[in-house]
Amino acid sequence: MNNPDFSLLARTAALAAALALTACAVRAPVQEPMAMSVPHIAPLPIAVTPVAPPDDVAPLLAYHQSLRKMAQGELIKELSGLGLQQTTPKLTLQMSMILMLTRGSGDLARAQAQLDSVATSVEPAAQSLRPLAQLLSAHCAEARRLSDQADRLTVQLRENQRKTDQLNDMLEGLKAIERNLPVRPAATPGNAGGSAAATAASAPSASPAAPQAGAR
């Protein structure tokens, strides 16, 4: 049979030991985790594709190619339609392109004047069009030089043709005069001998006839 006092003491001792362990666990400092060194990773560069500015020249070149396929009547109609719109550097270039293809008198001079206005313009809308305007203006000036040279050659050719026609007329006149001249008969050898005998017979005797030999 167990002793009640002994059991009570055993319980008390077990409880005291448990409290002591709990107090030690509470008072023990909490050990912080060791800080781990994380290597620094540089961010990868992001490739940014630059956005190209809007190309204003390519549509104008395509427009010029379409103009070259038009007839003269279609070009005049296109020019009249553009003249009703509000003037812009792009519209001025389009009109000058048409004037370079029409065949009216002074159209090349008008086209070059319009191109020069765009090439020297300070408007923001004309900045991207200035190189094209300068190129077309130089082409227009060369076309005008060749056109003037062709006109001078045409005038010179007409003058030479006029002089040639005058010389041909003079030559035909001389031929006509030569055909109207009387024709002189050509002398033959037989006719020449007969003419000489007839001339000698018709001429008077220069001396009397000589007396016959032995006449008394």
N, C-alpha and C. Protein backbone atom coordinates (compact mmCIF):
# COMPACT_ATOMS: atom_id res chain seq x y z
N MET A 1 0.86 -1.18 0.00
CA MET A 1 0.00 0.00 0.00
C MET A 1 0.88 1.21 0.00
N ASN A 2 0.57 2.18 -0.93
CA ASN A 2 1.44 3.36 -1.12
C ASN A 2 1.23 4.36 -0.01
N ASN A 3 2.35 5.10 0.26
CA ASN A 3 2.31 6.13 1.28
C ASN A 3 1.77 7.40 0.65
N PRO A 4 0.68 8.00 1.19
CA PRO A 4 0.12 9.21 0.57
C PRO A 4 1.08 10.36 0.61
N ASP A 5 1.84 10.48 1.63
CA ASP A 5 2.77 11.62 1.71
C ASP A 5 3.85 11.51 0.64
N PHE A 6 4.29 10.30 0.43
CA PHE A 6 5.34 10.09 -0.58
C PHE A 6 4.83 10.44 -1.96
N SER A 7 3.61 10.09 -2.29
CA SER A 7 3.03 10.41 -3.60
C SER A 7 2.89 11.91 -3.77
N LEU A 8 2.49 12.58 -2.71
CA LEU A 8 2.34 14.03 -2.79
C LEU A 8 3.67 14.70 -3.02
N LEU A 9 4.69 14.20 -2.34
CA LEU A 9 6.01 14.79 -2.52
C LEU A 9 6.52 14.53 -3.93
N ALA A 10 6.23 13.37 -4.45
CA ALA A 10 6.71 13.05 -5.80
C ALA A 10 6.04 13.94 -6.83
N ARG A 11 4.77 14.18 -6.64
CA ARG A 11 4.08 15.05 -7.58
C ARG A 11 4.60 16.48 -7.51
N THR A 12 4.83 16.87 -6.25
CA THR A 12 5.32 18.25 -6.08
C THR A 12 6.69 18.41 -6.73
N ALA A 13 7.54 17.40 -6.56
CA ALA A 13 8.88 17.47 -7.16
C ALA A 13 8.79 17.47 -8.67
N ALA A 14 7.89 16.66 -9.24
CA ALA A 14 7.76 16.61 -10.71
C ALA A 14 7.24 17.92 -11.25
N LEU A 15 6.30 18.53 -10.48
CA LEU A 15 5.78 19.82 -10.93
C LEU A 15 6.83 20.90 -10.86
N ALA A 16 7.63 20.86 -9.78
CA ALA A 16 8.69 21.87 -9.65
C ALA A 16 9.71 21.72 -10.77
N ALA A 17 10.03 20.47 -11.11
CA ALA A 17 11.00 20.25 -12.21
C ALA A 17 10.45 20.74 -13.53
N ALA A 18 9.14 20.53 -13.72
CA ALA A 18 8.55 20.99 -14.99
C ALA A 18 8.54 22.50 -15.05
N LEU A 19 8.23 23.16 -13.91
CA LEU A 19 8.25 24.63 -13.91
C LEU A 19 9.65 25.17 -14.14
N ALA A 20 10.65 24.46 -13.57
CA ALA A 20 12.03 24.92 -13.76
C ALA A 20 12.43 24.82 -15.22
N LEU A 21 12.03 23.73 -15.85
CA LEU A 21 12.36 23.58 -17.27
C LEU A 21 11.67 24.63 -18.11
N THR A 22 10.41 24.92 -17.73
CA THR A 22 9.69 25.94 -18.50
C THR A 22 10.33 27.30 -18.34
N ALA A 23 10.76 27.63 -17.12
CA ALA A 23 11.39 28.94 -16.90
C ALA A 23 12.70 29.04 -17.68
N CYS A 24 13.43 27.95 -17.74
CA CYS A 24 14.69 27.97 -18.52
C CYS A 24 14.43 28.17 -20.00
N ALA A 25 13.36 27.52 -20.43
CA ALA A 25 13.06 27.65 -21.86
C ALA A 25 12.62 29.06 -22.20
N VAL A 26 11.90 29.74 -21.27
CA VAL A 26 11.46 31.10 -21.53
C VAL A 26 12.61 32.07 -21.50
N ARG A 27 13.52 31.88 -20.51
CA ARG A 27 14.62 32.82 -20.38
C ARG A 27 15.72 32.62 -21.43
N ALA A 28 15.75 31.47 -22.07
CA ALA A 28 16.83 31.24 -23.06
C ALA A 28 16.66 32.19 -24.26
N PRO A 29 17.69 32.88 -24.63
CA PRO A 29 17.59 33.82 -25.77
C PRO A 29 17.31 33.06 -27.07
N VAL A 30 16.48 33.69 -27.83
CA VAL A 30 16.12 33.10 -29.13
C VAL A 30 17.25 33.40 -30.11
N GLN A 31 17.81 32.37 -30.66
CA GLN A 31 18.92 32.54 -31.60
C GLN A 31 18.37 32.94 -32.97
N GLU A 32 18.83 34.09 -33.45
CA GLU A 32 18.38 34.58 -34.75
C GLU A 32 19.01 33.75 -35.86
N PRO A 33 18.29 33.56 -36.95
CA PRO A 33 18.86 32.80 -38.07
C PRO A 33 20.01 33.57 -38.72
N MET A 34 20.96 32.86 -39.20
CA MET A 34 22.12 33.48 -39.85
C MET A 34 21.69 34.11 -41.18
N ALA A 35 22.15 35.32 -41.34
CA ALA A 35 21.83 36.02 -42.58
C ALA A 35 22.65 35.43 -43.72
N MET A 36 21.95 35.06 -44.79
CA MET A 36 22.62 34.49 -45.96
C MET A 36 22.87 35.59 -46.99
N SER A 37 24.06 35.61 -47.50
CA SER A 37 24.42 36.62 -48.52
C SER A 37 23.89 36.18 -49.89
N VAL A 38 23.03 36.98 -50.42
CA VAL A 38 22.45 36.70 -51.73
C VAL A 38 23.25 37.46 -52.78
N PRO A 39 23.78 36.80 -53.77
CA PRO A 39 24.56 37.52 -54.80
C PRO A 39 23.68 38.48 -55.59
N HIS A 40 24.25 39.65 -55.90
CA HIS A 40 23.51 40.67 -56.66
C HIS A 40 23.48 40.30 -58.14
N ILE A 41 22.30 40.23 -58.66
CA ILE A 41 22.13 39.90 -60.08
C ILE A 41 21.69 41.17 -60.80
N ALA A 42 22.51 41.58 -61.76
CA ALA A 42 22.18 42.79 -62.52
C ALA A 42 21.02 42.50 -63.45
N PRO A 43 20.10 43.42 -63.56
CA PRO A 43 18.96 43.19 -64.48
C PRO A 43 19.43 43.18 -65.93
N LEU A 44 18.82 42.34 -66.70
CA LEU A 44 19.16 42.26 -68.12
C LEU A 44 18.66 43.50 -68.85
N PRO A 45 19.49 44.01 -69.75
CA PRO A 45 19.03 45.19 -70.51
C PRO A 45 17.87 44.83 -71.42
N ILE A 46 16.91 45.70 -71.47
CA ILE A 46 15.74 45.50 -72.32
C ILE A 46 15.97 46.21 -73.65
N ALA A 47 15.94 45.43 -74.71
CA ALA A 47 16.16 46.01 -76.04
C ALA A 47 14.91 46.77 -76.47
N VAL A 48 15.09 48.05 -76.69
CA VAL A 48 13.97 48.90 -77.12
C VAL A 48 14.18 49.24 -78.58
N THR A 49 13.27 48.83 -79.42
CA THR A 49 13.35 49.12 -80.85
C THR A 49 12.88 50.54 -81.10
N PRO A 50 13.76 51.38 -81.66
CA PRO A 50 13.33 52.76 -81.90
C PRO A 50 12.22 52.81 -82.94
N VAL A 51 11.28 53.65 -82.70
CA VAL A 51 10.16 53.82 -83.61
C VAL A 51 10.56 54.81 -84.69
N ALA A 52 10.54 54.35 -85.94
CA ALA A 52 10.94 55.21 -87.04
C ALA A 52 9.90 56.31 -87.25
N PRO A 53 10.35 57.50 -87.55
CA PRO A 53 9.39 58.57 -87.83
C PRO A 53 8.60 58.26 -89.09
N PRO A 54 7.45 58.82 -89.23
CA PRO A 54 6.65 58.55 -90.44
C PRO A 54 7.39 59.01 -91.69
N ASP A 55 7.38 58.14 -92.71
CA ASP A 55 8.06 58.43 -93.97
C ASP A 55 7.10 59.20 -94.87
N ASP A 56 7.43 60.47 -95.13
CA ASP A 56 6.60 61.29 -96.00
C ASP A 56 7.04 61.24 -97.46
N VAL A 57 8.24 60.73 -97.71
CA VAL A 57 8.79 60.75 -99.07
C VAL A 57 8.28 59.57 -99.88
N ALA A 58 8.20 58.40 -99.27
CA ALA A 58 7.79 57.20 -100.01
C ALA A 58 6.42 57.36 -100.66
N PRO A 59 5.41 57.87 -99.96
CA PRO A 59 4.11 58.06 -100.65
C PRO A 59 4.19 59.03 -101.83
N LEU A 60 5.04 60.05 -101.71
CA LEU A 60 5.18 61.00 -102.82
C LEU A 60 5.85 60.34 -104.03
N LEU A 61 6.84 59.48 -103.78
CA LEU A 61 7.47 58.77 -104.89
C LEU A 61 6.48 57.84 -105.59
N ALA A 62 5.66 57.16 -104.80
CA ALA A 62 4.63 56.31 -105.39
C ALA A 62 3.61 57.14 -106.18
N TYR A 63 3.30 58.33 -105.66
CA TYR A 63 2.38 59.23 -106.38
C TYR A 63 2.97 59.67 -107.71
N HIS A 64 4.28 59.94 -107.71
CA HIS A 64 4.94 60.35 -108.95
C HIS A 64 4.91 59.23 -109.99
N GLN A 65 5.10 57.99 -109.54
CA GLN A 65 5.03 56.86 -110.46
C GLN A 65 3.63 56.72 -111.06
N SER A 66 2.61 56.97 -110.27
CA SER A 66 1.25 56.90 -110.80
C SER A 66 0.98 58.03 -111.79
N LEU A 67 1.59 59.19 -111.58
CA LEU A 67 1.41 60.30 -112.52
C LEU A 67 2.00 59.99 -113.89
N ARG A 68 3.10 59.28 -113.92
CA ARG A 68 3.77 58.97 -115.18
C ARG A 68 2.92 58.07 -116.08
N LYS A 69 1.92 57.40 -115.51
CA LYS A 69 1.06 56.52 -116.29
C LYS A 69 -0.18 57.24 -116.81
N MET A 70 -0.35 58.50 -116.45
CA MET A 70 -1.54 59.24 -116.84
C MET A 70 -1.33 59.93 -118.18
N ALA A 71 -2.44 60.13 -118.90
CA ALA A 71 -2.41 60.92 -120.12
C ALA A 71 -2.44 62.40 -119.77
N GLN A 72 -2.25 63.24 -120.80
CA GLN A 72 -2.19 64.68 -120.56
C GLN A 72 -3.52 65.20 -120.00
N GLY A 73 -4.62 64.69 -120.51
CA GLY A 73 -5.92 65.13 -119.98
C GLY A 73 -6.11 64.75 -118.53
N GLU A 74 -5.67 63.57 -118.16
CA GLU A 74 -5.78 63.14 -116.77
C GLU A 74 -4.89 63.97 -115.85
N LEU A 75 -3.71 64.35 -116.34
CA LEU A 75 -2.83 65.19 -115.54
C LEU A 75 -3.44 66.57 -115.28
N ILE A 76 -4.04 67.14 -116.30
CA ILE A 76 -4.67 68.46 -116.14
C ILE A 76 -5.83 68.37 -115.15
N LYS A 77 -6.60 67.28 -115.23
CA LYS A 77 -7.71 67.11 -114.30
C LYS A 77 -7.20 66.93 -112.87
N GLU A 78 -6.13 66.17 -112.70
CA GLU A 78 -5.54 65.99 -111.36
C GLU A 78 -5.02 67.31 -110.81
N LEU A 79 -4.40 68.10 -111.67
CA LEU A 79 -3.87 69.40 -111.23
C LEU A 79 -5.00 70.34 -110.81
N SER A 80 -6.10 70.31 -111.54
CA SER A 80 -7.23 71.16 -111.18
C SER A 80 -7.83 70.75 -109.84
N GLY A 81 -7.89 69.43 -109.58
CA GLY A 81 -8.41 68.97 -108.30
C GLY A 81 -7.52 69.38 -107.13
N LEU A 82 -6.22 69.31 -107.31
CA LEU A 82 -5.31 69.71 -106.24
C LEU A 82 -5.37 71.21 -105.98
N GLY A 83 -5.64 71.98 -107.02
CA GLY A 83 -5.72 73.43 -106.84
C GLY A 83 -6.88 73.87 -105.98
N LEU A 84 -7.87 73.02 -105.79
CA LEU A 84 -9.02 73.37 -104.95
C LEU A 84 -8.78 73.07 -103.47
N GLN A 85 -7.69 72.37 -103.14
CA GLN A 85 -7.41 72.00 -101.76
C GLN A 85 -6.54 73.05 -101.08
N GLN A 86 -6.47 72.93 -99.74
CA GLN A 86 -5.65 73.87 -98.97
C GLN A 86 -4.18 73.61 -99.23
N THR A 87 -3.44 74.68 -99.42
CA THR A 87 -2.03 74.56 -99.79
C THR A 87 -1.20 74.08 -98.60
N THR A 88 -0.45 73.03 -98.82
CA THR A 88 0.51 72.49 -97.85
C THR A 88 1.80 72.17 -98.59
N PRO A 89 2.92 71.99 -97.87
CA PRO A 89 4.15 71.61 -98.58
C PRO A 89 4.00 70.34 -99.39
N LYS A 90 3.29 69.35 -98.86
CA LYS A 90 3.08 68.11 -99.61
C LYS A 90 2.25 68.36 -100.86
N LEU A 91 1.20 69.16 -100.74
CA LEU A 91 0.37 69.46 -101.90
C LEU A 91 1.15 70.25 -102.95
N THR A 92 2.03 71.14 -102.51
CA THR A 92 2.85 71.90 -103.45
C THR A 92 3.78 70.97 -104.23
N LEU A 93 4.35 69.99 -103.55
CA LEU A 93 5.20 69.02 -104.24
C LEU A 93 4.40 68.22 -105.26
N GLN A 94 3.20 67.82 -104.90
CA GLN A 94 2.37 67.06 -105.83
C GLN A 94 2.04 67.88 -107.08
N MET A 95 1.71 69.15 -106.90
CA MET A 95 1.40 70.00 -108.04
C MET A 95 2.61 70.22 -108.92
N SER A 96 3.78 70.38 -108.30
CA SER A 96 4.99 70.57 -109.09
C SER A 96 5.34 69.31 -109.88
N MET A 97 5.06 68.13 -109.31
CA MET A 97 5.31 66.88 -110.04
C MET A 97 4.44 66.81 -111.30
N ILE A 98 3.20 67.28 -111.19
CA ILE A 98 2.32 67.28 -112.36
C ILE A 98 2.81 68.26 -113.41
N LEU A 99 3.23 69.44 -112.98
CA LEU A 99 3.70 70.46 -113.92
C LEU A 99 4.97 70.01 -114.64
N MET A 100 5.75 69.16 -114.01
CA MET A 100 6.95 68.65 -114.68
C MET A 100 6.61 67.66 -115.79
N LEU A 101 5.39 67.12 -115.78
CA LEU A 101 5.00 66.13 -116.79
C LEU A 101 4.08 66.71 -117.85
N THR A 102 3.45 67.85 -117.58
CA THR A 102 2.61 68.48 -118.60
C THR A 102 3.49 69.17 -119.64
N ARG A 103 2.88 69.51 -120.75
CA ARG A 103 3.65 70.06 -121.88
C ARG A 103 3.27 71.48 -122.19
N GLY A 104 2.69 72.17 -121.21
CA GLY A 104 2.32 73.55 -121.44
C GLY A 104 3.52 74.47 -121.40
N SER A 105 3.37 75.62 -122.03
CA SER A 105 4.46 76.60 -122.05
C SER A 105 4.63 77.20 -120.65
N GLY A 106 5.85 77.16 -120.14
CA GLY A 106 6.15 77.72 -118.83
C GLY A 106 5.84 76.81 -117.67
N ASP A 107 5.41 75.56 -117.93
CA ASP A 107 5.09 74.66 -116.82
C ASP A 107 6.33 74.27 -116.02
N LEU A 108 7.45 74.08 -116.70
CA LEU A 108 8.68 73.72 -115.99
C LEU A 108 9.14 74.86 -115.08
N ALA A 109 8.99 76.09 -115.55
CA ALA A 109 9.38 77.23 -114.72
C ALA A 109 8.47 77.33 -113.49
N ARG A 110 7.18 77.09 -113.65
CA ARG A 110 6.26 77.11 -112.51
C ARG A 110 6.59 75.98 -111.52
N ALA A 111 6.90 74.81 -112.05
CA ALA A 111 7.24 73.68 -111.18
C ALA A 111 8.50 73.97 -110.37
N GLN A 112 9.51 74.55 -111.00
CA GLN A 112 10.75 74.84 -110.27
C GLN A 112 10.53 75.91 -109.21
N ALA A 113 9.70 76.89 -109.50
CA ALA A 113 9.42 77.92 -108.50
C ALA A 113 8.72 77.32 -107.28
N GLN A 114 7.79 76.42 -107.50
CA GLN A 114 7.10 75.78 -106.37
C GLN A 114 8.04 74.87 -105.59
N LEU A 115 8.91 74.17 -106.28
CA LEU A 115 9.86 73.29 -105.59
C LEU A 115 10.84 74.10 -104.75
N ASP A 116 11.28 75.22 -105.27
CA ASP A 116 12.19 76.07 -104.50
C ASP A 116 11.52 76.63 -103.25
N SER A 117 10.22 76.90 -103.35
CA SER A 117 9.51 77.42 -102.17
C SER A 117 9.46 76.38 -101.06
N VAL A 118 9.33 75.09 -101.41
CA VAL A 118 9.33 74.04 -100.40
C VAL A 118 10.74 73.80 -99.87
N ALA A 119 11.73 73.87 -100.77
CA ALA A 119 13.12 73.62 -100.36
C ALA A 119 13.64 74.67 -99.39
N THR A 120 13.11 75.87 -99.45
CA THR A 120 13.56 76.95 -98.56
C THR A 120 12.55 77.26 -97.46
N SER A 121 11.50 76.45 -97.34
CA SER A 121 10.47 76.71 -96.34
C SER A 121 10.97 76.35 -94.94
N VAL A 122 10.51 77.11 -93.94
CA VAL A 122 10.86 76.85 -92.54
C VAL A 122 9.70 76.21 -91.79
N GLU A 123 8.65 75.83 -92.48
CA GLU A 123 7.51 75.19 -91.82
C GLU A 123 7.92 73.81 -91.32
N PRO A 124 7.42 73.39 -90.17
CA PRO A 124 7.75 72.04 -89.68
C PRO A 124 7.32 70.94 -90.64
N ALA A 125 6.19 71.14 -91.33
CA ALA A 125 5.71 70.11 -92.24
C ALA A 125 6.60 69.95 -93.48
N ALA A 126 7.45 70.94 -93.72
CA ALA A 126 8.31 70.89 -94.91
C ALA A 126 9.70 70.36 -94.61
N GLN A 127 10.03 70.13 -93.36
CA GLN A 127 11.40 69.73 -93.01
C GLN A 127 11.77 68.39 -93.65
N SER A 128 10.88 67.42 -93.58
CA SER A 128 11.19 66.10 -94.14
C SER A 128 11.09 66.07 -95.65
N LEU A 129 10.50 67.11 -96.25
CA LEU A 129 10.31 67.14 -97.70
C LEU A 129 11.34 68.00 -98.41
N ARG A 130 12.17 68.70 -97.67
CA ARG A 130 13.12 69.60 -98.30
C ARG A 130 14.15 68.89 -99.17
N PRO A 131 14.74 67.75 -98.75
CA PRO A 131 15.69 67.07 -99.64
C PRO A 131 15.05 66.64 -100.97
N LEU A 132 13.83 66.14 -100.92
CA LEU A 132 13.16 65.74 -102.15
C LEU A 132 12.86 66.95 -103.03
N ALA A 133 12.47 68.04 -102.41
CA ALA A 133 12.20 69.25 -103.18
C ALA A 133 13.47 69.78 -103.85
N GLN A 134 14.59 69.73 -103.15
CA GLN A 134 15.85 70.17 -103.75
C GLN A 134 16.25 69.28 -104.93
N LEU A 135 16.06 67.97 -104.77
CA LEU A 135 16.41 67.04 -105.85
C LEU A 135 15.54 67.28 -107.08
N LEU A 136 14.24 67.43 -106.87
CA LEU A 136 13.35 67.67 -108.00
C LEU A 136 13.60 69.03 -108.64
N SER A 137 13.98 70.01 -107.84
CA SER A 137 14.28 71.34 -108.40
C SER A 137 15.51 71.27 -109.30
N ALA A 138 16.54 70.54 -108.90
CA ALA A 138 17.71 70.38 -109.75
C ALA A 138 17.36 69.64 -111.04
N HIS A 139 16.53 68.61 -110.92
CA HIS A 139 16.09 67.88 -112.11
C HIS A 139 15.28 68.78 -113.03
N CYS A 140 14.46 69.62 -112.45
CA CYS A 140 13.64 70.54 -113.24
C CYS A 140 14.51 71.57 -113.96
N ALA A 141 15.54 72.07 -113.28
CA ALA A 141 16.45 73.02 -113.92
C ALA A 141 17.18 72.39 -115.10
N GLU A 142 17.60 71.14 -114.95
CA GLU A 142 18.27 70.45 -116.05
C GLU A 142 17.32 70.22 -117.21
N ALA A 143 16.08 69.89 -116.90
CA ALA A 143 15.09 69.69 -117.96
C ALA A 143 14.82 71.00 -118.71
N ARG A 144 14.79 72.11 -117.98
CA ARG A 144 14.60 73.40 -118.64
C ARG A 144 15.77 73.74 -119.54
N ARG A 145 16.98 73.43 -119.09
CA ARG A 145 18.17 73.71 -119.92
C ARG A 145 18.13 72.89 -121.21
N LEU A 146 17.77 71.63 -121.09
CA LEU A 146 17.69 70.78 -122.28
C LEU A 146 16.55 71.23 -123.20
N SER A 147 15.45 71.67 -122.61
CA SER A 147 14.33 72.14 -123.43
C SER A 147 14.71 73.41 -124.20
N ASP A 148 15.40 74.33 -123.53
CA ASP A 148 15.84 75.56 -124.22
C ASP A 148 16.83 75.23 -125.33
N GLN A 149 17.72 74.30 -125.06
CA GLN A 149 18.69 73.90 -126.09
C GLN A 149 17.97 73.25 -127.27
N ALA A 150 16.98 72.45 -127.01
CA ALA A 150 16.23 71.83 -128.10
C ALA A 150 15.47 72.88 -128.91
N ASP A 151 14.94 73.90 -128.23
CA ASP A 151 14.24 74.97 -128.95
C ASP A 151 15.21 75.73 -129.86
N ARG A 152 16.41 76.01 -129.36
CA ARG A 152 17.39 76.72 -130.19
C ARG A 152 17.80 75.87 -131.40
N LEU A 153 17.97 74.57 -131.18
CA LEU A 153 18.32 73.70 -132.30
C LEU A 153 17.18 73.61 -133.30
N THR A 154 15.96 73.65 -132.83
CA THR A 154 14.82 73.61 -133.74
C THR A 154 14.77 74.86 -134.60
N VAL A 155 15.00 76.02 -133.99
CA VAL A 155 15.02 77.28 -134.75
C VAL A 155 16.16 77.26 -135.77
N GLN A 156 17.33 76.78 -135.36
CA GLN A 156 18.46 76.71 -136.28
C GLN A 156 18.17 75.75 -137.43
N LEU A 157 17.52 74.64 -137.13
CA LEU A 157 17.18 73.68 -138.18
C LEU A 157 16.19 74.28 -139.17
N ARG A 158 15.22 75.02 -138.68
CA ARG A 158 14.26 75.66 -139.57
C ARG A 158 14.94 76.70 -140.46
N GLU A 159 15.88 77.43 -139.89
CA GLU A 159 16.59 78.44 -140.67
C GLU A 159 17.43 77.78 -141.76
N ASN A 160 18.09 76.70 -141.40
CA ASN A 160 18.88 75.98 -142.41
C ASN A 160 17.99 75.39 -143.49
N GLN A 161 16.82 74.90 -143.12
CA GLN A 161 15.89 74.37 -144.11
C GLN A 161 15.39 75.46 -145.03
N ARG A 162 15.16 76.66 -144.48
CA ARG A 162 14.70 77.78 -145.32
C ARG A 162 15.77 78.16 -146.34
N LYS A 163 17.03 78.20 -145.88
CA LYS A 163 18.12 78.52 -146.82
C LYS A 163 18.27 77.44 -147.88
N THR A 164 18.10 76.20 -147.47
CA THR A 164 18.20 75.11 -148.44
C THR A 164 17.09 75.20 -149.48
N ASP A 165 15.89 75.54 -149.05
CA ASP A 165 14.79 75.70 -150.00
C ASP A 165 15.06 76.85 -150.97
N GLN A 166 15.63 77.94 -150.49
CA GLN A 166 15.97 79.06 -151.37
C GLN A 166 17.00 78.65 -152.42
N LEU A 167 18.01 77.91 -151.99
CA LEU A 167 19.01 77.46 -152.95
C LEU A 167 18.42 76.51 -153.99
N ASN A 168 17.51 75.65 -153.54
CA ASN A 168 16.85 74.75 -154.49
C ASN A 168 16.00 75.52 -155.49
N ASP A 169 15.32 76.57 -155.02
CA ASP A 169 14.53 77.40 -155.94
C ASP A 169 15.42 78.10 -156.95
N MET A 170 16.56 78.62 -156.51
CA MET A 170 17.48 79.28 -157.44
C MET A 170 18.02 78.28 -158.47
N LEU A 171 18.33 77.09 -158.03
CA LEU A 171 18.84 76.08 -158.94
C LEU A 171 17.80 75.68 -159.97
N GLU A 172 16.56 75.52 -159.55
CA GLU A 172 15.50 75.20 -160.50
C GLU A 172 15.28 76.33 -161.49
N GLY A 173 15.41 77.59 -161.03
CA GLY A 173 15.28 78.72 -161.94
C GLY A 173 16.37 78.74 -163.00
N LEU A 174 17.58 78.44 -162.61
CA LEU A 174 18.69 78.40 -163.58
C LEU A 174 18.48 77.27 -164.59
N LYS A 175 17.97 76.14 -164.11
CA LYS A 175 17.69 75.03 -165.04
C LYS A 175 16.61 75.41 -166.04
N ALA A 176 15.60 76.15 -165.57
CA ALA A 176 14.53 76.59 -166.48
C ALA A 176 15.07 77.54 -167.53
N ILE A 177 15.92 78.47 -167.13
CA ILE A 177 16.52 79.40 -168.09
C ILE A 177 17.35 78.65 -169.12
N GLU A 178 18.10 77.68 -168.68
CA GLU A 178 18.94 76.90 -169.60
C GLU A 178 18.09 76.11 -170.60
N ARG A 179 16.94 75.62 -170.17
CA ARG A 179 16.08 74.88 -171.09
C ARG A 179 15.45 75.79 -172.14
N ASN A 180 15.24 77.06 -171.83
CA ASN A 180 14.62 77.99 -172.77
C ASN A 180 15.61 78.63 -173.75
N LEU A 181 16.89 78.44 -173.60
CA LEU A 181 17.87 78.99 -174.53
C LEU A 181 17.76 78.29 -175.89
N PRO A 182 17.94 79.05 -177.08
CA PRO A 182 17.90 78.40 -178.42
C PRO A 182 19.07 77.44 -178.59
N VAL A 183 18.78 76.34 -179.29
CA VAL A 183 19.79 75.32 -179.50
C VAL A 183 20.54 75.61 -180.78
N ARG A 184 21.86 75.78 -180.81
CA ARG A 184 22.70 76.01 -181.99
C ARG A 184 23.03 74.66 -182.62
N PRO A 185 22.87 74.56 -183.99
CA PRO A 185 23.18 73.28 -184.64
C PRO A 185 24.66 72.96 -184.56
N ALA A 186 24.94 71.74 -184.35
CA ALA A 186 26.33 71.32 -184.28
C ALA A 186 26.89 71.08 -185.68
N ALA A 187 28.12 71.55 -185.99
CA ALA A 187 28.77 71.41 -187.31
C ALA A 187 29.35 70.02 -187.44
N THR A 188 29.11 69.39 -188.72
CA THR A 188 29.67 68.06 -189.01
C THR A 188 30.83 68.22 -189.98
N PRO A 189 31.73 67.21 -190.13
CA PRO A 189 32.87 67.32 -191.08
C PRO A 189 32.43 67.53 -192.51
N GLY A 190 31.39 66.88 -193.07
CA GLY A 190 30.94 67.05 -194.46
C GLY A 190 30.41 68.43 -194.70
N ASN A 191 29.64 68.87 -193.80
CA ASN A 191 29.08 70.21 -193.94
C ASN A 191 30.16 71.26 -193.89
N ALA A 192 31.21 70.99 -193.14
CA ALA A 192 32.31 71.96 -193.06
C ALA A 192 33.03 72.07 -194.39
N GLY A 193 33.29 70.94 -195.18
CA GLY A 193 33.97 70.99 -196.49
C GLY A 193 33.14 71.68 -197.54
N GLY A 194 31.84 71.39 -197.59
CA GLY A 194 30.96 72.03 -198.55
C GLY A 194 30.87 73.50 -198.34
N SER A 195 30.86 73.88 -197.13
CA SER A 195 30.78 75.31 -196.82
C SER A 195 32.04 76.02 -197.29
N ALA A 196 33.19 75.37 -197.15
CA ALA A 196 34.45 75.99 -197.59
C ALA A 196 34.48 76.11 -199.10
N ALA A 197 33.99 75.10 -199.88
CA ALA A 197 34.00 75.15 -201.36
C ALA A 197 33.06 76.23 -201.85
N ALA A 198 31.91 76.32 -201.20
CA ALA A 198 30.96 77.35 -201.62
C ALA A 198 31.52 78.72 -201.37
N THR A 199 32.24 78.88 -200.35
CA THR A 199 32.84 80.18 -200.06
C THR A 199 33.89 80.53 -201.07
N ALA A 200 34.71 79.55 -201.47
CA ALA A 200 35.79 79.81 -202.47
C ALA A 200 35.21 80.10 -203.83
N ALA A 201 34.10 79.46 -204.22
CA ALA A 201 33.51 79.71 -205.54
C ALA A 201 32.87 81.06 -205.62
N SER A 202 32.33 81.51 -204.56
CA SER A 202 31.67 82.80 -204.56
C SER A 202 32.64 83.96 -204.48
N ALA A 203 33.88 83.70 -204.17
CA ALA A 203 34.85 84.78 -204.03
C ALA A 203 35.37 85.18 -205.41
N PRO A 204 35.61 86.53 -205.79
CA PRO A 204 36.14 86.97 -207.11
C PRO A 204 37.58 86.55 -207.30
N SER A 205 37.99 86.40 -208.66
CA SER A 205 39.36 85.98 -208.97
C SER A 205 40.31 87.12 -208.69
N ALA A 206 41.43 86.84 -208.13
CA ALA A 206 42.38 87.90 -207.77
C ALA A 206 43.28 88.27 -208.93
N SER A 207 43.56 87.35 -209.97
CA SER A 207 44.48 87.65 -211.09
C SER A 207 43.89 87.12 -212.38
N PRO A 208 44.23 87.76 -213.62
CA PRO A 208 43.69 87.26 -214.88
C PRO A 208 44.26 85.91 -215.22
N ALA A 209 43.53 85.21 -216.13
CA ALA A 209 43.96 83.87 -216.50
C ALA A 209 45.22 83.94 -217.31
N ALA A 210 46.12 83.01 -217.17
CA ALA A 210 47.41 83.02 -217.87
C ALA A 210 47.20 82.62 -219.33
N PRO A 211 47.92 83.26 -220.34
CA PRO A 211 47.78 82.89 -221.75
C PRO A 211 48.27 81.49 -222.01
N GLN A 212 47.63 80.87 -223.02
CA GLN A 212 48.01 79.53 -223.31
C GLN A 212 49.35 79.51 -224.00
N ALA A 213 50.07 78.47 -223.80
CA ALA A 213 51.42 78.36 -224.38
C ALA A 213 51.33 78.20 -225.92
N GLY A 214 52.14 78.95 -226.67
CA GLY A 214 52.21 78.85 -228.15
C GLY A 214 51.19 79.72 -228.84
N ALA A 215 50.37 80.43 -228.15
CA ALA A 215 49.42 81.31 -228.80
C ALA A 215 50.14 82.51 -229.34
N ARG A 216 49.69 82.99 -230.50
CA ARG A 216 50.32 84.12 -231.12
C ARG A 216 49.47 85.31 -230.80
